[in-house]
Amino acid sequence: MLVEILWWLVPSVAVAVAAMVWVGWLGREGRGEVDRDVALTRLTKALEREYATPGRPDVRVRDRSTGIAVRPTRESSAVDGSTRPSR
């Protein structure tokens, strides 16, 4: 009985092994190989790029929003030059 149950696994194991061999064959060395000097040039250009993309502000300079709205205090209105409300 146990052997009959195990025979049901044979097709799935065969398909899995065939898929592994196929992927191993496709990923073998030598397909689409890039020249070492070309790869080094591409890497150098990528590392020399600026961090911020053109048209967008630099992330390091931008204020980070916390998602909480904060109203200015009454004391800060006196700093702006406006008169303080009398109590």
C-alpha atoms as a PDB file:
ATOM      1  CA  MET A   1       0.000   0.000   0.000  1.00  0.00           C
ATOM      2  CA  LEU A   2       2.790   2.437   0.900  1.00  0.00           C
ATOM      3  CA  VAL A   3       4.672   1.685  -2.326  1.00  0.00           C
ATOM      4  CA  GLU A   4       1.537   2.417  -4.379  1.00  0.00           C
ATOM      5  CA  ILE A   5       1.222   5.812  -2.688  1.00  0.00           C
ATOM      6  CA  LEU A   6       4.892   6.599  -3.340  1.00  0.00           C
ATOM      7  CA  TRP A   7       4.481   5.812  -7.060  1.00  0.00           C
ATOM      8  CA  TRP A   8       2.158   8.844  -7.265  1.00  0.00           C
ATOM      9  CA  LEU A   9       5.139  11.035  -6.358  1.00  0.00           C
ATOM     10  CA  VAL A  10       7.297   9.827  -9.260  1.00  0.00           C
ATOM     11  CA  PRO A  11       5.784  12.101 -11.947  1.00  0.00           C
ATOM     12  CA  SER A  12       6.073  15.230  -9.789  1.00  0.00           C
ATOM     13  CA  VAL A  13       9.666  14.402  -8.829  1.00  0.00           C
ATOM     14  CA  ALA A  14      10.517  13.777 -12.497  1.00  0.00           C
ATOM     15  CA  VAL A  15       9.032  17.122 -13.509  1.00  0.00           C
ATOM     16  CA  ALA A  16      10.921  18.917 -10.717  1.00  0.00           C
ATOM     17  CA  VAL A  17      14.235  17.305 -11.723  1.00  0.00           C
ATOM     18  CA  ALA A  18      13.621  18.136 -15.395  1.00  0.00           C
ATOM     19  CA  ALA A  19      12.890  21.769 -14.482  1.00  0.00           C
ATOM     20  CA  MET A  20      16.100  21.996 -12.431  1.00  0.00           C
ATOM     21  CA  VAL A  21      18.155  20.584 -15.307  1.00  0.00           C
ATOM     22  CA  TRP A  22      16.501  22.976 -17.778  1.00  0.00           C
ATOM     23  CA  VAL A  23      17.123  26.039 -15.590  1.00  0.00           C
ATOM     24  CA  GLY A  24      20.691  24.903 -14.984  1.00  0.00           C
ATOM     25  CA  TRP A  25      21.224  24.579 -18.733  1.00  0.00           C
ATOM     26  CA  LEU A  26      19.820  28.054 -19.414  1.00  0.00           C
ATOM     27  CA  GLY A  27      21.873  29.634 -16.661  1.00  0.00           C
ATOM     28  CA  ARG A  28      25.165  28.064 -17.661  1.00  0.00           C
ATOM     29  CA  GLU A  29      28.236  30.215 -17.967  1.00  0.00           C
ATOM     30  CA  GLY A  30      29.029  31.945 -21.235  1.00  0.00           C
ATOM     31  CA  ARG A  31      25.591  33.167 -22.274  1.00  0.00           C
ATOM     32  CA  GLY A  32      25.358  36.941 -22.634  1.00  0.00           C
ATOM     33  CA  GLU A  33      28.790  37.527 -21.159  1.00  0.00           C
ATOM     34  CA  VAL A  34      29.869  41.182 -21.012  1.00  0.00           C
ATOM     35  CA  ASP A  35      33.447  42.260 -21.570  1.00  0.00           C
ATOM     36  CA  ARG A  36      35.244  43.013 -18.301  1.00  0.00           C
ATOM     37  CA  ASP A  37      36.317  46.507 -19.442  1.00  0.00           C
ATOM     38  CA  VAL A  38      32.765  47.381 -20.531  1.00  0.00           C
ATOM     39  CA  ALA A  39      31.390  46.211 -17.181  1.00  0.00           C
ATOM     40  CA  LEU A  40      33.991  48.289 -15.325  1.00  0.00           C
ATOM     41  CA  THR A  41      33.095  51.386 -17.372  1.00  0.00           C
ATOM     42  CA  ARG A  42      29.382  50.928 -16.638  1.00  0.00           C
ATOM     43  CA  LEU A  43      30.064  50.468 -12.934  1.00  0.00           C
ATOM     44  CA  THR A  44      32.225  53.606 -12.818  1.00  0.00           C
ATOM     45  CA  LYS A  45      29.516  55.697 -14.519  1.00  0.00           C
ATOM     46  CA  ALA A  46      26.856  54.378 -12.125  1.00  0.00           C
ATOM     47  CA  LEU A  47      28.944  55.152  -9.044  1.00  0.00           C
ATOM     48  CA  GLU A  48      29.745  58.691 -10.208  1.00  0.00           C
ATOM     49  CA  ARG A  49      26.081  59.655 -10.617  1.00  0.00           C
ATOM     50  CA  GLU A  50      24.453  62.131  -8.248  1.00  0.00           C
ATOM     51  CA  TYR A  51      22.178  60.767  -5.551  1.00  0.00           C
ATOM     52  CA  ALA A  52      19.216  63.013  -6.351  1.00  0.00           C
ATOM     53  CA  THR A  53      17.590  62.707  -9.745  1.00  0.00           C
ATOM     54  CA  PRO A  54      17.189  65.912 -11.776  1.00  0.00           C
ATOM     55  CA  GLY A  55      13.901  67.701 -11.130  1.00  0.00           C
ATOM     56  CA  ARG A  56      13.468  66.285  -7.648  1.00  0.00           C
ATOM     57  CA  PRO A  57      14.697  67.844  -4.431  1.00  0.00           C
ATOM     58  CA  ASP A  58      17.547  66.219  -2.592  1.00  0.00           C
ATOM     59  CA  VAL A  59      16.103  63.775  -0.075  1.00  0.00           C
ATOM     60  CA  ARG A  60      18.767  64.596   2.502  1.00  0.00           C
ATOM     61  CA  VAL A  61      17.778  68.305   2.532  1.00  0.00           C
ATOM     62  CA  ARG A  62      13.998  67.879   2.424  1.00  0.00           C
ATOM     63  CA  ASP A  63      12.038  68.091   5.683  1.00  0.00           C
ATOM     64  CA  ARG A  64      10.561  64.773   6.674  1.00  0.00           C
ATOM     65  CA  SER A  65       6.830  64.936   7.291  1.00  0.00           C
ATOM     66  CA  THR A  66       5.488  63.174  10.352  1.00  0.00           C
ATOM     67  CA  GLY A  67       1.907  63.279   9.133  1.00  0.00           C
ATOM     68  CA  ILE A  68       0.810  65.412  12.111  1.00  0.00           C
ATOM     69  CA  ALA A  69      -0.471  68.926  11.554  1.00  0.00           C
ATOM     70  CA  VAL A  70       1.049  71.370  14.036  1.00  0.00           C
ATOM     71  CA  ARG A  71      -0.410  74.839  14.534  1.00  0.00           C
ATOM     72  CA  PRO A  72       1.950  77.675  15.345  1.00  0.00           C
ATOM     73  CA  THR A  73       1.918  78.761  18.964  1.00  0.00           C
ATOM     74  CA  ARG A  74       0.799  82.254  19.982  1.00  0.00           C
ATOM     75  CA  GLU A  75       4.335  83.155  21.012  1.00  0.00           C
ATOM     76  CA  SER A  76       5.605  82.504  17.495  1.00  0.00           C
ATOM     77  CA  SER A  77       3.189  85.129  16.126  1.00  0.00           C
ATOM     78  CA  ALA A  78       4.984  87.754  18.255  1.00  0.00           C
ATOM     79  CA  VAL A  79       8.257  86.813  16.592  1.00  0.00           C
ATOM     80  CA  ASP A  80       6.718  87.500  13.190  1.00  0.00           C
ATOM     81  CA  GLY A  81       6.179  91.143  14.173  1.00  0.00           C
ATOM     82  CA  SER A  82       2.463  90.976  14.728  1.00  0.00           C
ATOM     83  CA  THR A  83       1.003  92.232  17.989  1.00  0.00           C
ATOM     84  CA  ARG A  84       0.251  89.810  20.768  1.00  0.00           C
ATOM     85  CA  PRO A  85      -3.365  89.584  21.775  1.00  0.00           C
ATOM     86  CA  SER A  86      -4.099  91.206  25.134  1.00  0.00           C
ATOM     87  CA  ARG A  87      -5.441  88.976  27.860  1.00  0.00           C
END
